[in-house]
Protein backbone atom coordinates (compact mmCIF):
# COMPACT_ATOMS: atom_id res chain seq x y z
CA UNK A 1 5.99 64.11 39.06
CA UNK A 2 5.62 60.67 37.46
CA UNK A 3 5.05 58.15 40.23
CA UNK A 4 7.88 55.83 38.75
CA UNK A 5 10.83 58.27 38.47
CA UNK A 6 13.67 57.13 40.24
CA UNK A 7 12.74 53.82 40.74
CA UNK A 8 13.51 50.58 38.86
CA UNK A 9 10.89 48.75 36.82
CA UNK A 10 9.84 45.41 37.30
CA UNK A 11 9.96 42.98 34.37
CA UNK A 12 6.47 42.50 34.50
CA UNK A 13 5.71 45.97 34.44
CA UNK A 14 7.76 46.20 31.23
CA UNK A 15 6.49 43.47 29.84
CA UNK A 16 2.94 44.47 30.52
CA UNK A 17 3.94 48.09 28.88
CA UNK A 18 5.56 46.23 25.56
CA UNK A 19 2.37 43.85 25.25
CA UNK A 20 -0.08 47.20 25.03
CA UNK A 21 2.29 49.43 22.80
CA UNK A 22 2.24 46.88 20.27
CA UNK A 23 -1.57 45.89 20.65
CA UNK A 24 -2.45 49.53 19.98
CA UNK A 25 0.61 49.93 17.35
CA UNK A 26 0.12 47.23 15.37
CA UNK A 27 -3.83 46.19 15.50
CA UNK A 28 -6.16 47.19 12.80
CA UNK A 29 -9.55 47.93 13.84
CA UNK A 30 -12.50 45.22 12.24
CA UNK A 31 -13.90 47.49 10.34
CA UNK A 32 -11.09 48.51 8.62
CA UNK A 33 -10.06 44.43 8.09
CA UNK A 34 -13.61 44.13 6.69
CA UNK A 35 -13.34 47.39 4.26
CA UNK A 36 -9.52 46.12 2.86
CA UNK A 37 -11.12 42.65 2.47
CA UNK A 38 -14.15 43.26 0.55
CA UNK A 39 -11.55 45.79 -1.66
CA UNK A 40 -9.56 42.97 -2.44
CA UNK A 41 -12.04 40.88 -3.90
CA UNK A 42 -13.34 43.70 -6.26
CA UNK A 43 -9.76 43.74 -7.41
CA UNK A 44 -9.91 41.07 -9.84
CA UNK A 45 -9.63 40.87 -13.68
CA UNK A 46 -8.57 44.60 -15.11
CA UNK A 47 -8.89 46.55 -11.76
CA UNK A 48 -6.12 43.80 -10.04
CA UNK A 49 -2.73 45.71 -9.11
CA UNK A 50 -0.87 42.94 -11.27
CA UNK A 51 -3.04 42.87 -14.21
CA UNK A 52 -1.28 41.83 -17.62
CA UNK A 53 -3.56 42.85 -19.92
CA UNK A 54 -4.90 39.38 -20.41
CA UNK A 55 -2.83 39.10 -23.45
CA UNK A 56 -2.11 35.28 -24.23
CA UNK A 57 0.62 34.66 -26.88
CA UNK A 58 -0.09 31.89 -29.46
CA UNK A 59 3.16 29.72 -30.30
CA UNK A 60 4.07 30.86 -34.04
CA UNK A 61 4.64 27.31 -34.95
CA UNK A 62 3.09 24.95 -32.95
CA UNK A 63 -0.25 27.25 -31.55
CA UNK A 64 0.22 26.31 -28.03
CA UNK A 65 -0.08 29.00 -25.23
CA UNK A 66 3.09 30.79 -24.46
CA UNK A 67 3.30 31.55 -20.84
CA UNK A 68 5.53 34.36 -21.07
CA UNK A 69 3.86 37.67 -22.97
CA UNK A 70 7.10 38.82 -24.79
CA UNK A 71 7.92 35.08 -26.40
CA UNK A 72 6.70 34.38 -29.85
CA UNK A 73 7.56 30.39 -29.41
CA UNK A 74 6.79 27.92 -26.96
CA UNK A 75 9.53 26.35 -25.01
CA UNK A 76 10.41 23.40 -27.23
CA UNK A 77 9.70 25.12 -30.22
CA UNK A 78 12.25 27.73 -29.50
CA UNK A 79 15.03 25.29 -28.57
CA UNK A 80 14.06 23.47 -32.39
CA UNK A 81 14.56 27.04 -33.68
CA UNK A 82 17.87 28.04 -31.94
CA UNK A 83 19.95 24.48 -33.38
CA UNK A 84 22.65 24.99 -36.17
CA UNK A 85 22.44 27.33 -38.92
CA UNK A 86 19.15 29.34 -37.07
CA UNK A 87 21.25 29.84 -34.01
CA UNK A 88 21.94 33.75 -33.46
CA UNK A 89 25.80 33.10 -33.09
CA UNK A 90 26.46 30.64 -35.65
CA UNK A 91 29.09 31.59 -37.97
CA UNK A 92 29.38 29.31 -41.28
CA UNK A 93 29.83 26.07 -38.80
CA UNK A 94 33.06 27.04 -36.91
CA UNK A 95 31.98 25.89 -33.50
CA UNK A 96 32.38 22.66 -34.75
CA UNK A 97 35.99 23.17 -36.17
CA UNK A 98 38.21 21.00 -34.68
CA UNK A 99 40.88 22.40 -32.57
CA UNK A 100 44.70 22.54 -33.59
CA UNK A 101 46.92 19.73 -32.85
CA UNK A 102 49.30 21.69 -30.61
CA UNK A 103 46.32 23.07 -27.97
CA UNK A 104 47.42 21.36 -24.64
CA UNK A 105 46.98 21.51 -21.27
CA UNK A 106 50.65 23.14 -21.37
CA UNK A 107 49.60 25.78 -23.32
CA UNK A 108 46.39 26.96 -21.60
CA UNK A 109 47.95 26.44 -17.95
CA UNK A 110 51.28 29.25 -19.72
CA UNK A 111 48.44 31.28 -20.88
CA UNK A 112 46.62 31.32 -17.33
CA UNK A 113 50.35 31.54 -15.56
CA UNK A 114 50.96 34.89 -17.72
CA UNK A 115 47.79 36.49 -16.81
CA UNK A 116 48.36 35.63 -12.80
CA UNK A 117 45.62 32.81 -12.71
CA UNK A 118 43.36 36.09 -13.15
CA UNK A 119 40.61 36.62 -15.35
CA UNK A 120 41.08 39.25 -17.43
CA UNK A 121 37.36 40.99 -17.49
CA UNK A 122 36.71 40.80 -13.85
CA UNK A 123 40.16 39.89 -11.99
CA UNK A 124 38.50 36.97 -10.41
CA UNK A 125 41.17 34.60 -9.36
CA UNK A 126 41.13 31.26 -10.35
CA UNK A 127 40.71 29.92 -6.52
CA UNK A 128 37.70 31.11 -6.15
CA UNK A 129 36.18 29.57 -9.11
CA UNK A 130 35.05 25.69 -8.99
CA UNK A 131 36.91 25.19 -12.25
CA UNK A 132 40.14 26.24 -13.81
CA UNK A 133 40.08 29.53 -15.72
CA UNK A 134 38.85 29.13 -19.52
CA UNK A 135 41.29 29.86 -22.03
CA UNK A 136 39.85 32.27 -25.19
CA UNK A 137 40.82 33.19 -28.55
CA UNK A 138 40.30 36.87 -28.90
CA UNK A 139 39.95 36.64 -32.48
CA UNK A 140 37.56 33.31 -32.39
CA UNK A 141 40.05 31.10 -34.93
CA UNK A 142 40.62 27.70 -33.53
CA UNK A 143 43.63 27.47 -35.16
CA UNK A 144 45.49 30.81 -34.16
CA UNK A 145 47.40 29.79 -31.00
CA UNK A 146 49.50 32.91 -30.65
CA UNK A 147 49.82 33.96 -26.48
CA UNK A 148 48.72 37.33 -27.92
CA UNK A 149 45.67 35.91 -29.13
CA UNK A 150 44.73 34.03 -25.79
CA UNK A 151 43.19 35.25 -22.89
CA UNK A 152 42.23 33.53 -19.67
CA UNK A 153 38.16 34.11 -18.67
CA UNK A 154 36.41 32.68 -15.79
CA UNK A 155 33.33 30.20 -16.25
CA UNK A 156 31.03 33.54 -15.70
CA UNK A 157 32.51 36.08 -17.98
CA UNK A 158 33.74 33.60 -20.81
CA UNK A 159 30.16 33.07 -22.20
CA UNK A 160 29.61 36.69 -22.76
CA UNK A 161 32.43 36.77 -25.13
CA UNK A 162 30.41 34.71 -27.71
CA UNK A 163 28.24 37.54 -28.43
CA UNK A 164 28.44 40.87 -29.96
CA UNK A 165 32.13 39.17 -31.43
CA UNK A 166 33.31 42.52 -32.73
CA UNK A 167 33.55 44.52 -29.35
CA UNK A 168 35.32 42.06 -27.75
CA UNK A 169 37.72 41.43 -30.22
CA UNK A 170 38.02 45.40 -30.07
CA UNK A 171 38.28 45.07 -26.24
CA UNK A 172 41.23 42.33 -25.95
CA UNK A 173 43.08 43.67 -29.13
CA UNK A 174 44.08 46.81 -27.02
């Protein structure tokens, strides 16, 4: 029978036992530490776990080294390349077209109210956003102010609708 069976243990005894267990369970023998240290010293270059192949991309425009192995241009050249007609979302200068004179805060507020002040994609309420909900043209035509062509989107969902436009047009027309 255990000598402490049925007796209360003192706090001193509990602490002593806890520290003994902790030392036994979490200590690594010194010889293992040395082996691990020596092994890690040899894991450099091609032998390292996170070796990416030593590939260095060169910017196709200026010749500088590109830090991202998947990019073909450095940040400065990529920004210059994606302006105006060379931007992937460019559509015949329509982004710079002015809005109709009827495009007003009253119209936008009526669309938000019609949509119960919720994003039509994620149903996030306007109160949870820092800004008011954006009002988006389904057909991307700034002149078309028909309420059936306008929907409310939050600031997170609205940028997504400017990529793969045909997909979004079909989704919102339903």
